[in-house]
Amino acid sequence: MTTGEDRQPSGTRPSLFLERQSYRRRRLTDAARLLPILGAALIAIPLLWPGGSSEKGVPLSSAIFYIFACWAALIVASLIFGFAARRMAASDETDSDTDQWQR
């Protein structure tokens, strides 16, 4: 006969544990997926600037420079995400080899 101590109540869910590496890899993937949305928002900001030939307007050269700077920053950010993802994938492959011997 079993005592009921080893049974879990039916209303509770088992705790979910995510490994640190897989958690970081998923967050990195989420950030990389949000990068185009961030880029679209940054590039759309000049549309909100006052325009026209009034004295309060922003010169077109400043708007073009801003768009180019955003474009360059998005390229650098995507390179950083790519290198980080490659490094995480390489560390996952080496960790799996060491996990085999620890069991």
PDB file of N, CA and C in Angstrom:
ATOM      1  N   MET A   1       0.835  -1.167   0.000  1.00  0.00           N
ATOM      2  CA  MET A   1       0.000   0.000   0.000  1.00  0.00           C
ATOM      3  C   MET A   1       0.883   1.234   0.000  1.00  0.00           C
ATOM      4  N   THR A   2       0.432   2.211  -0.697  1.00  0.00           N
ATOM      5  CA  THR A   2       1.192   3.461  -0.746  1.00  0.00           C
ATOM      6  C   THR A   2       0.578   4.454   0.209  1.00  0.00           C
ATOM      7  N   THR A   3       1.396   5.296   0.715  1.00  0.00           N
ATOM      8  CA  THR A   3       0.905   6.310   1.653  1.00  0.00           C
ATOM      9  C   THR A   3       0.435   7.546   0.947  1.00  0.00           C
ATOM     10  N   GLY A   4       0.260   8.255   0.479  1.00  0.00           N
ATOM     11  CA  GLY A   4      -0.156   9.393  -0.329  1.00  0.00           C
ATOM     12  C   GLY A   4       0.878  10.504  -0.330  1.00  0.00           C
ATOM     13  N   GLU A   5       2.030  10.245   0.362  1.00  0.00           N
ATOM     14  CA  GLU A   5       3.054  11.283   0.436  1.00  0.00           C
ATOM     15  C   GLU A   5       3.775  11.459  -0.899  1.00  0.00           C
ATOM     16  N   ASP A   6       3.871  10.381  -1.680  1.00  0.00           N
ATOM     17  CA  ASP A   6       4.615  10.468  -2.926  1.00  0.00           C
ATOM     18  C   ASP A   6       3.760  10.995  -4.073  1.00  0.00           C
ATOM     19  N   ARG A   7       2.495  11.191  -3.842  1.00  0.00           N
ATOM     20  CA  ARG A   7       1.613  11.714  -4.890  1.00  0.00           C
ATOM     21  C   ARG A   7       1.514  13.224  -4.775  1.00  0.00           C
ATOM     22  N   GLN A   8       1.451  13.884  -5.931  1.00  0.00           N
ATOM     23  CA  GLN A   8       1.269  15.334  -5.951  1.00  0.00           C
ATOM     24  C   GLN A   8      -0.219  15.635  -6.033  1.00  0.00           C
ATOM     25  N   PRO A   9      -0.650  16.726  -5.457  1.00  0.00           N
ATOM     26  CA  PRO A   9      -2.056  17.099  -5.607  1.00  0.00           C
ATOM     27  C   PRO A   9      -2.373  17.346  -7.075  1.00  0.00           C
ATOM     28  N   SER A  10      -3.593  17.033  -7.481  1.00  0.00           N
ATOM     29  CA  SER A  10      -3.935  17.116  -8.896  1.00  0.00           C
ATOM     30  C   SER A  10      -4.020  18.554  -9.389  1.00  0.00           C
ATOM     31  N   GLY A  11      -4.174  19.530  -8.542  1.00  0.00           N
ATOM     32  CA  GLY A  11      -4.323  20.916  -8.956  1.00  0.00           C
ATOM     33  C   GLY A  11      -3.009  21.641  -9.195  1.00  0.00           C
ATOM     34  N   THR A  12      -1.881  21.081  -8.803  1.00  0.00           N
ATOM     35  CA  THR A  12      -0.608  21.774  -8.974  1.00  0.00           C
ATOM     36  C   THR A  12       0.104  21.278 -10.212  1.00  0.00           C
ATOM     37  N   ARG A  13       0.781  22.182 -10.848  1.00  0.00           N
ATOM     38  CA  ARG A  13       1.572  21.837 -12.027  1.00  0.00           C
ATOM     39  C   ARG A  13       3.008  21.583 -11.611  1.00  0.00           C
ATOM     40  N   PRO A  14       3.688  20.705 -12.299  1.00  0.00           N
ATOM     41  CA  PRO A  14       5.098  20.508 -11.979  1.00  0.00           C
ATOM     42  C   PRO A  14       5.882  21.764 -12.359  1.00  0.00           C
ATOM     43  N   SER A  15       6.897  22.063 -11.594  1.00  0.00           N
ATOM     44  CA  SER A  15       7.683  23.266 -11.875  1.00  0.00           C
ATOM     45  C   SER A  15       8.474  23.063 -13.160  1.00  0.00           C
ATOM     46  N   LEU A  16       8.541  24.110 -13.927  1.00  0.00           N
ATOM     47  CA  LEU A  16       9.288  24.079 -15.173  1.00  0.00           C
ATOM     48  C   LEU A  16      10.660  24.677 -14.928  1.00  0.00           C
ATOM     49  N   PHE A  17      11.680  23.958 -15.321  1.00  0.00           N
ATOM     50  CA  PHE A  17      13.039  24.443 -15.170  1.00  0.00           C
ATOM     51  C   PHE A  17      13.651  24.530 -16.545  1.00  0.00           C
ATOM     52  N   LEU A  18      14.105  25.706 -16.892  1.00  0.00           N
ATOM     53  CA  LEU A  18      14.796  25.896 -18.155  1.00  0.00           C
ATOM     54  C   LEU A  18      16.278  26.069 -17.874  1.00  0.00           C
ATOM     55  N   GLU A  19      17.074  25.406 -18.661  1.00  0.00           N
ATOM     56  CA  GLU A  19      18.505  25.578 -18.498  1.00  0.00           C
ATOM     57  C   GLU A  19      18.882  27.003 -18.844  1.00  0.00           C
ATOM     58  N   ARG A  20      19.922  27.468 -18.228  1.00  0.00           N
ATOM     59  CA  ARG A  20      20.339  28.855 -18.417  1.00  0.00           C
ATOM     60  C   ARG A  20      20.710  29.131 -19.866  1.00  0.00           C
ATOM     61  N   GLN A  21      21.411  28.208 -20.508  1.00  0.00           N
ATOM     62  CA  GLN A  21      21.828  28.416 -21.894  1.00  0.00           C
ATOM     63  C   GLN A  21      20.619  28.456 -22.834  1.00  0.00           C
ATOM     64  N   SER A  22      19.678  27.547 -22.668  1.00  0.00           N
ATOM     65  CA  SER A  22      18.524  27.543 -23.558  1.00  0.00           C
ATOM     66  C   SER A  22      17.654  28.773 -23.307  1.00  0.00           C
ATOM     67  N   TYR A  23      17.580  29.225 -22.063  1.00  0.00           N
ATOM     68  CA  TYR A  23      16.821  30.434 -21.755  1.00  0.00           C
ATOM     69  C   TYR A  23      17.457  31.640 -22.439  1.00  0.00           C
ATOM     70  N   ARG A  24      18.769  31.751 -22.340  1.00  0.00           N
ATOM     71  CA  ARG A  24      19.459  32.876 -22.980  1.00  0.00           C
ATOM     72  C   ARG A  24      19.349  32.811 -24.489  1.00  0.00           C
ATOM     73  N   ARG A  25      19.424  31.619 -25.054  1.00  0.00           N
ATOM     74  CA  ARG A  25      19.298  31.470 -26.504  1.00  0.00           C
ATOM     75  C   ARG A  25      17.905  31.884 -26.973  1.00  0.00           C
ATOM     76  N   ARG A  26      16.883  31.533 -26.213  1.00  0.00           N
ATOM     77  CA  ARG A  26      15.518  31.935 -26.579  1.00  0.00           C
ATOM     78  C   ARG A  26      15.330  33.437 -26.462  1.00  0.00           C
ATOM     79  N   ARG A  27      15.893  34.059 -25.428  1.00  0.00           N
ATOM     80  CA  ARG A  27      15.773  35.506 -25.286  1.00  0.00           C
ATOM     81  C   ARG A  27      16.547  36.218 -26.393  1.00  0.00           C
ATOM     82  N   LEU A  28      17.678  35.686 -26.785  1.00  0.00           N
ATOM     83  CA  LEU A  28      18.441  36.260 -27.890  1.00  0.00           C
ATOM     84  C   LEU A  28      17.656  36.156 -29.195  1.00  0.00           C
ATOM     85  N   THR A  29      16.992  35.036 -29.406  1.00  0.00           N
ATOM     86  CA  THR A  29      16.156  34.866 -30.596  1.00  0.00           C
ATOM     87  C   THR A  29      14.989  35.828 -30.579  1.00  0.00           C
ATOM     88  N   ASP A  30      14.378  36.027 -29.410  1.00  0.00           N
ATOM     89  CA  ASP A  30      13.271  36.977 -29.300  1.00  0.00           C
ATOM     90  C   ASP A  30      13.737  38.398 -29.616  1.00  0.00           C
ATOM     91  N   ALA A  31      14.906  38.763 -29.105  1.00  0.00           N
ATOM     92  CA  ALA A  31      15.432  40.103 -29.376  1.00  0.00           C
ATOM     93  C   ALA A  31      15.749  40.276 -30.855  1.00  0.00           C
ATOM     94  N   ALA A  32      16.279  39.232 -31.488  1.00  0.00           N
ATOM     95  CA  ALA A  32      16.574  39.316 -32.919  1.00  0.00           C
ATOM     96  C   ALA A  32      15.293  39.434 -33.737  1.00  0.00           C
ATOM     97  N   ARG A  33      14.231  38.809 -33.287  1.00  0.00           N
ATOM     98  CA  ARG A  33      12.958  38.921 -34.002  1.00  0.00           C
ATOM     99  C   ARG A  33      12.337  40.306 -33.850  1.00  0.00           C
ATOM    100  N   LEU A  34      12.614  40.983 -32.745  1.00  0.00           N
ATOM    101  CA  LEU A  34      12.079  42.320 -32.531  1.00  0.00           C
ATOM    102  C   LEU A  34      12.909  43.407 -33.211  1.00  0.00           C
ATOM    103  N   LEU A  35      14.088  43.059 -33.695  1.00  0.00           N
ATOM    104  CA  LEU A  35      14.970  44.038 -34.316  1.00  0.00           C
ATOM    105  C   LEU A  35      14.344  44.718 -35.538  1.00  0.00           C
ATOM    106  N   PRO A  36      13.662  44.031 -36.446  1.00  0.00           N
ATOM    107  CA  PRO A  36      13.031  44.739 -37.570  1.00  0.00           C
ATOM    108  C   PRO A  36      11.924  45.705 -37.126  1.00  0.00           C
ATOM    109  N   ILE A  37      11.206  45.350 -36.071  1.00  0.00           N
ATOM    110  CA  ILE A  37      10.155  46.245 -35.574  1.00  0.00           C
ATOM    111  C   ILE A  37      10.782  47.501 -34.981  1.00  0.00           C
ATOM    112  N   LEU A  38      11.869  47.328 -34.235  1.00  0.00           N
ATOM    113  CA  LEU A  38      12.595  48.466 -33.697  1.00  0.00           C
ATOM    114  C   LEU A  38      13.144  49.331 -34.823  1.00  0.00           C
ATOM    115  N   GLY A  39      13.675  48.693 -35.856  1.00  0.00           N
ATOM    116  CA  GLY A  39      14.209  49.431 -36.999  1.00  0.00           C
ATOM    117  C   GLY A  39      13.132  50.227 -37.715  1.00  0.00           C
ATOM    118  N   ALA A  40      11.972  49.635 -37.904  1.00  0.00           N
ATOM    119  CA  ALA A  40      10.877  50.350 -38.566  1.00  0.00           C
ATOM    120  C   ALA A  40      10.437  51.546 -37.724  1.00  0.00           C
ATOM    121  N   ALA A  41      10.402  51.376 -36.412  1.00  0.00           N
ATOM    122  CA  ALA A  41      10.014  52.486 -35.541  1.00  0.00           C
ATOM    123  C   ALA A  41      11.049  53.605 -35.578  1.00  0.00           C
ATOM    124  N   LEU A  42      12.332  53.240 -35.559  1.00  0.00           N
ATOM    125  CA  LEU A  42      13.381  54.256 -35.594  1.00  0.00           C
ATOM    126  C   LEU A  42      13.409  54.998 -36.922  1.00  0.00           C
ATOM    127  N   ILE A  43      13.209  54.281 -38.014  1.00  0.00           N
ATOM    128  CA  ILE A  43      13.251  54.920 -39.323  1.00  0.00           C
ATOM    129  C   ILE A  43      11.999  55.770 -39.560  1.00  0.00           C
ATOM    130  N   ALA A  44      10.906  55.467 -38.893  1.00  0.00           N
ATOM    131  CA  ALA A  44       9.678  56.248 -39.047  1.00  0.00           C
ATOM    132  C   ALA A  44       9.677  57.528 -38.210  1.00  0.00           C
ATOM    133  N   ILE A  45      10.618  57.687 -37.304  1.00  0.00           N
ATOM    134  CA  ILE A  45      10.650  58.880 -36.460  1.00  0.00           C
ATOM    135  C   ILE A  45      10.755  60.175 -37.277  1.00  0.00           C
ATOM    136  N   PRO A  46      11.540  60.243 -38.365  1.00  0.00           N
ATOM    137  CA  PRO A  46      11.575  61.500 -39.128  1.00  0.00           C
ATOM    138  C   PRO A  46      10.218  61.911 -39.690  1.00  0.00           C
ATOM    139  N   LEU A  47       9.286  60.997 -39.812  1.00  0.00           N
ATOM    140  CA  LEU A  47       7.949  61.372 -40.264  1.00  0.00           C
ATOM    141  C   LEU A  47       7.234  62.247 -39.239  1.00  0.00           C
ATOM    142  N   LEU A  48       7.640  62.166 -37.979  1.00  0.00           N
ATOM    143  CA  LEU A  48       7.030  62.958 -36.924  1.00  0.00           C
ATOM    144  C   LEU A  48       7.665  64.332 -36.773  1.00  0.00           C
ATOM    145  N   TRP A  49       8.838  64.531 -37.380  1.00  0.00           N
ATOM    146  CA  TRP A  49       9.511  65.812 -37.275  1.00  0.00           C
ATOM    147  C   TRP A  49       8.728  66.870 -38.032  1.00  0.00           C
ATOM    148  N   PRO A  50       8.753  68.095 -37.531  1.00  0.00           N
ATOM    149  CA  PRO A  50       8.061  69.158 -38.281  1.00  0.00           C
ATOM    150  C   PRO A  50       8.753  69.379 -39.620  1.00  0.00           C
ATOM    151  N   GLY A  51       7.984  69.473 -40.656  1.00  0.00           N
ATOM    152  CA  GLY A  51       8.557  69.611 -41.986  1.00  0.00           C
ATOM    153  C   GLY A  51       8.219  70.949 -42.599  1.00  0.00           C
ATOM    154  N   GLY A  52       8.461  71.029 -43.863  1.00  0.00           N
ATOM    155  CA  GLY A  52       8.143  72.245 -44.587  1.00  0.00           C
ATOM    156  C   GLY A  52       9.299  73.216 -44.598  1.00  0.00           C
ATOM    157  N   SER A  53       9.035  74.378 -45.127  1.00  0.00           N
ATOM    158  CA  SER A  53      10.083  75.384 -45.251  1.00  0.00           C
ATOM    159  C   SER A  53      10.053  76.382 -44.100  1.00  0.00           C
ATOM    160  N   SER A  54       9.342  76.062 -43.045  1.00  0.00           N
ATOM    161  CA  SER A  54       9.290  76.977 -41.904  1.00  0.00           C
ATOM    162  C   SER A  54      10.616  76.959 -41.158  1.00  0.00           C
ATOM    163  N   GLU A  55      10.788  77.916 -40.290  1.00  0.00           N
ATOM    164  CA  GLU A  55      12.043  78.012 -39.540  1.00  0.00           C
ATOM    165  C   GLU A  55      12.188  76.878 -38.529  1.00  0.00           C
ATOM    166  N   LYS A  56      11.082  76.281 -38.114  1.00  0.00           N
ATOM    167  CA  LYS A  56      11.125  75.220 -37.110  1.00  0.00           C
ATOM    168  C   LYS A  56      11.374  73.848 -37.728  1.00  0.00           C
ATOM    169  N   GLY A  57      11.388  73.741 -39.023  1.00  0.00           N
ATOM    170  CA  GLY A  57      11.560  72.460 -39.699  1.00  0.00           C
ATOM    171  C   GLY A  57      12.976  71.918 -39.588  1.00  0.00           C
ATOM    172  N   VAL A  58      13.128  70.633 -39.715  1.00  0.00           N
ATOM    173  CA  VAL A  58      14.414  69.973 -39.668  1.00  0.00           C
ATOM    174  C   VAL A  58      14.943  69.868 -41.099  1.00  0.00           C
ATOM    175  N   PRO A  59      16.205  70.190 -41.323  1.00  0.00           N
ATOM    176  CA  PRO A  59      16.739  70.083 -42.683  1.00  0.00           C
ATOM    177  C   PRO A  59      16.720  68.641 -43.187  1.00  0.00           C
ATOM    178  N   LEU A  60      16.544  68.500 -44.473  1.00  0.00           N
ATOM    179  CA  LEU A  60      16.484  67.172 -45.074  1.00  0.00           C
ATOM    180  C   LEU A  60      17.794  66.422 -44.892  1.00  0.00           C
ATOM    181  N   SER A  61      18.904  67.134 -44.899  1.00  0.00           N
ATOM    182  CA  SER A  61      20.196  66.476 -44.721  1.00  0.00           C
ATOM    183  C   SER A  61      20.284  65.820 -43.338  1.00  0.00           C
ATOM    184  N   SER A  62      19.716  66.444 -42.333  1.00  0.00           N
ATOM    185  CA  SER A  62      19.721  65.846 -40.988  1.00  0.00           C
ATOM    186  C   SER A  62      18.861  64.590 -40.952  1.00  0.00           C
ATOM    187  N   ALA A  63      17.727  64.619 -41.639  1.00  0.00           N
ATOM    188  CA  ALA A  63      16.854  63.447 -41.668  1.00  0.00           C
ATOM    189  C   ALA A  63      17.528  62.292 -42.401  1.00  0.00           C
ATOM    190  N   ILE A  64      18.194  62.567 -43.505  1.00  0.00           N
ATOM    191  CA  ILE A  64      18.897  61.521 -44.252  1.00  0.00           C
ATOM    192  C   ILE A  64      20.045  60.957 -43.422  1.00  0.00           C
ATOM    193  N   PHE A  65      20.782  61.823 -42.736  1.00  0.00           N
ATOM    194  CA  PHE A  65      21.862  61.352 -41.875  1.00  0.00           C
ATOM    195  C   PHE A  65      21.315  60.470 -40.762  1.00  0.00           C
ATOM    196  N   TYR A  66      20.176  60.855 -40.166  1.00  0.00           N
ATOM    197  CA  TYR A  66      19.567  60.056 -39.108  1.00  0.00           C
ATOM    198  C   TYR A  66      19.156  58.682 -39.629  1.00  0.00           C
ATOM    199  N   ILE A  67      18.544  58.630 -40.792  1.00  0.00           N
ATOM    200  CA  ILE A  67      18.118  57.345 -41.371  1.00  0.00           C
ATOM    201  C   ILE A  67      19.326  56.472 -41.660  1.00  0.00           C
ATOM    202  N   PHE A  68      20.399  57.053 -42.198  1.00  0.00           N
ATOM    203  CA  PHE A  68      21.615  56.279 -42.466  1.00  0.00           C
ATOM    204  C   PHE A  68      22.230  55.758 -41.173  1.00  0.00           C
ATOM    205  N   ALA A  69      22.234  56.589 -40.114  1.00  0.00           N
ATOM    206  CA  ALA A  69      22.788  56.154 -38.824  1.00  0.00           C
ATOM    207  C   ALA A  69      21.952  55.010 -38.236  1.00  0.00           C
ATOM    208  N   CYS A  70      20.634  55.090 -38.347  1.00  0.00           N
ATOM    209  CA  CYS A  70      19.768  53.998 -37.873  1.00  0.00           C
ATOM    210  C   CYS A  70      20.027  52.724 -38.655  1.00  0.00           C
ATOM    211  N   TRP A  71      20.168  52.856 -39.959  1.00  0.00           N
ATOM    212  CA  TRP A  71      20.435  51.701 -40.815  1.00  0.00           C
ATOM    213  C   TRP A  71      21.758  51.035 -40.431  1.00  0.00           C
ATOM    214  N   ALA A  72      22.800  51.854 -40.216  1.00  0.00           N
ATOM    215  CA  ALA A  72      24.099  51.308 -39.813  1.00  0.00           C
ATOM    216  C   ALA A  72      24.018  50.657 -38.434  1.00  0.00           C
ATOM    217  N   ALA A  73      23.291  51.275 -37.512  1.00  0.00           N
ATOM    218  CA  ALA A  73      23.145  50.700 -36.174  1.00  0.00           C
ATOM    219  C   ALA A  73      22.394  49.369 -36.217  1.00  0.00           C
ATOM    220  N   LEU A  74      21.399  49.246 -37.083  1.00  0.00           N
ATOM    221  CA  LEU A  74      20.673  47.981 -37.223  1.00  0.00           C
ATOM    222  C   LEU A  74      21.574  46.892 -37.787  1.00  0.00           C
ATOM    223  N   ILE A  75      22.443  47.247 -38.719  1.00  0.00           N
ATOM    224  CA  ILE A  75      23.385  46.269 -39.265  1.00  0.00           C
ATOM    225  C   ILE A  75      24.343  45.792 -38.180  1.00  0.00           C
ATOM    226  N   VAL A  76      24.875  46.719 -37.394  1.00  0.00           N
ATOM    227  CA  VAL A  76      25.794  46.349 -36.312  1.00  0.00           C
ATOM    228  C   VAL A  76      25.077  45.479 -35.277  1.00  0.00           C
ATOM    229  N   ALA A  77      23.843  45.832 -34.932  1.00  0.00           N
ATOM    230  CA  ALA A  77      23.085  45.040 -33.954  1.00  0.00           C
ATOM    231  C   ALA A  77      22.815  43.634 -34.476  1.00  0.00           C
ATOM    232  N   SER A  78      22.497  43.509 -35.757  1.00  0.00           N
ATOM    233  CA  SER A  78      22.254  42.173 -36.311  1.00  0.00           C
ATOM    234  C   SER A  78      23.544  41.358 -36.361  1.00  0.00           C
ATOM    235  N   LEU A  79      24.676  41.997 -36.614  1.00  0.00           N
ATOM    236  CA  LEU A  79      25.960  41.290 -36.561  1.00  0.00           C
ATOM    237  C   LEU A  79      26.257  40.791 -35.144  1.00  0.00           C
ATOM    238  N   ILE A  80      25.984  41.623 -34.170  1.00  0.00           N
ATOM    239  CA  ILE A  80      26.214  41.224 -32.770  1.00  0.00           C
ATOM    240  C   ILE A  80      25.320  40.038 -32.409  1.00  0.00           C
ATOM    241  N   PHE A  81      24.041  40.095 -32.802  1.00  0.00           N
ATOM    242  CA  PHE A  81      23.142  38.973 -32.542  1.00  0.00           C
ATOM    243  C   PHE A  81      23.624  37.709 -33.246  1.00  0.00           C
ATOM    244  N   GLY A  82      24.120  37.850 -34.464  1.00  0.00           N
ATOM    245  CA  GLY A  82      24.608  36.693 -35.210  1.00  0.00           C
ATOM    246  C   GLY A  82      25.821  36.053 -34.559  1.00  0.00           C
ATOM    247  N   PHE A  83      26.781  36.887 -34.143  1.00  0.00           N
ATOM    248  CA  PHE A  83      27.968  36.348 -33.473  1.00  0.00           C
ATOM    249  C   PHE A  83      27.611  35.712 -32.140  1.00  0.00           C
ATOM    250  N   ALA A  84      26.693  36.322 -31.401  1.00  0.00           N
ATOM    251  CA  ALA A  84      26.278  35.759 -30.111  1.00  0.00           C
ATOM    252  C   ALA A  84      25.566  34.425 -30.308  1.00  0.00           C
ATOM    253  N   ALA A  85      24.729  34.334 -31.328  1.00  0.00           N
ATOM    254  CA  ALA A  85      24.026  33.073 -31.594  1.00  0.00           C
ATOM    255  C   ALA A  85      25.007  31.988 -32.010  1.00  0.00           C
ATOM    256  N   ARG A  86      25.983  32.341 -32.820  1.00  0.00           N
ATOM    257  CA  ARG A  86      26.994  31.362 -33.238  1.00  0.00           C
ATOM    258  C   ARG A  86      27.816  30.890 -32.049  1.00  0.00           C
ATOM    259  N   ARG A  87      28.162  31.822 -31.151  1.00  0.00           N
ATOM    260  CA  ARG A  87      28.945  31.447 -29.974  1.00  0.00           C
ATOM    261  C   ARG A  87      28.140  30.540 -29.054  1.00  0.00           C
ATOM    262  N   MET A  88      26.840  30.825 -28.884  1.00  0.00           N
ATOM    263  CA  MET A  88      25.997  29.980 -28.044  1.00  0.00           C
ATOM    264  C   MET A  88      25.824  28.594 -28.651  1.00  0.00           C
ATOM    265  N   ALA A  89      25.697  28.528 -29.963  1.00  0.00           N
ATOM    266  CA  ALA A  89      25.557  27.223 -30.614  1.00  0.00           C
ATOM    267  C   ALA A  89      26.838  26.418 -30.457  1.00  0.00           C
ATOM    268  N   ALA A  90      27.988  27.070 -30.545  1.00  0.00           N
ATOM    269  CA  ALA A  90      29.254  26.368 -30.373  1.00  0.00           C
ATOM    270  C   ALA A  90      29.425  25.884 -28.938  1.00  0.00           C
ATOM    271  N   SER A  91      29.011  26.692 -27.968  1.00  0.00           N
ATOM    272  CA  SER A  91      29.137  26.272 -26.570  1.00  0.00           C
ATOM    273  C   SER A  91      28.148  25.157 -26.246  1.00  0.00           C
ATOM    274  N   ASP A  92      26.980  25.130 -26.901  1.00  0.00           N
ATOM    275  CA  ASP A  92      26.032  24.043 -26.695  1.00  0.00           C
ATOM    276  C   ASP A  92      26.581  22.726 -27.210  1.00  0.00           C
ATOM    277  N   GLU A  93      27.282  22.762 -28.331  1.00  0.00           N
ATOM    278  CA  GLU A  93      27.862  21.535 -28.887  1.00  0.00           C
ATOM    279  C   GLU A  93      28.958  20.996 -27.987  1.00  0.00           C
ATOM    280  N   THR A  94      29.787  21.861 -27.422  1.00  0.00           N
ATOM    281  CA  THR A  94      30.849  21.394 -26.545  1.00  0.00           C
ATOM    282  C   THR A  94      30.289  20.935 -25.206  1.00  0.00           C
ATOM    283  N   ASP A  95      29.234  21.567 -24.714  1.00  0.00           N
ATOM    284  CA  ASP A  95      28.634  21.154 -23.448  1.00  0.00           C
ATOM    285  C   ASP A  95      27.980  19.783 -23.558  1.00  0.00           C
ATOM    286  N   SER A  96      27.414  19.465 -24.710  1.00  0.00           N
ATOM    287  CA  SER A  96      26.763  18.169 -24.853  1.00  0.00           C
ATOM    288  C   SER A  96      27.781  17.037 -24.786  1.00  0.00           C
ATOM    289  N   ASP A  97      29.001  17.259 -25.265  1.00  0.00           N
ATOM    290  CA  ASP A  97      30.037  16.238 -25.171  1.00  0.00           C
ATOM    291  C   ASP A  97      30.457  16.030 -23.720  1.00  0.00           C
ATOM    292  N   THR A  98      30.565  17.080 -22.946  1.00  0.00           N
ATOM    293  CA  THR A  98      30.979  16.925 -21.557  1.00  0.00           C
ATOM    294  C   THR A  98      29.851  16.327 -20.716  1.00  0.00           C
ATOM    295  N   ASP A  99      28.587  16.590 -21.084  1.00  0.00           N
ATOM    296  CA  ASP A  99      27.474  16.012 -20.337  1.00  0.00           C
ATOM    297  C   ASP A  99      27.432  14.498 -20.467  1.00  0.00           C
ATOM    298  N   GLN A 100      27.874  13.967 -21.588  1.00  0.00           N
ATOM    299  CA  GLN A 100      27.867  12.516 -21.770  1.00  0.00           C
ATOM    300  C   GLN A 100      28.780  11.833 -20.762  1.00  0.00           C
ATOM    301  N   TRP A 101      29.918  12.431 -20.487  1.00  0.00           N
ATOM    302  CA  TRP A 101      30.873  11.785 -19.606  1.00  0.00           C
ATOM    303  C   TRP A 101      30.528  11.979 -18.133  1.00  0.00           C
ATOM    304  N   GLN A 102      29.716  12.965 -17.816  1.00  0.00           N
ATOM    305  CA  GLN A 102      29.373  13.192 -16.412  1.00  0.00           C
ATOM    306  C   GLN A 102      28.279  12.244 -15.931  1.00  0.00           C
ATOM    307  N   ARG A 103      27.550  11.643 -16.814  1.00  0.00           N
ATOM    308  CA  ARG A 103      26.468  10.754 -16.380  1.00  0.00           C
ATOM    309  C   ARG A 103      27.007   9.476 -15.940  1.00  0.00           C
TER     310      ARG A 103
END
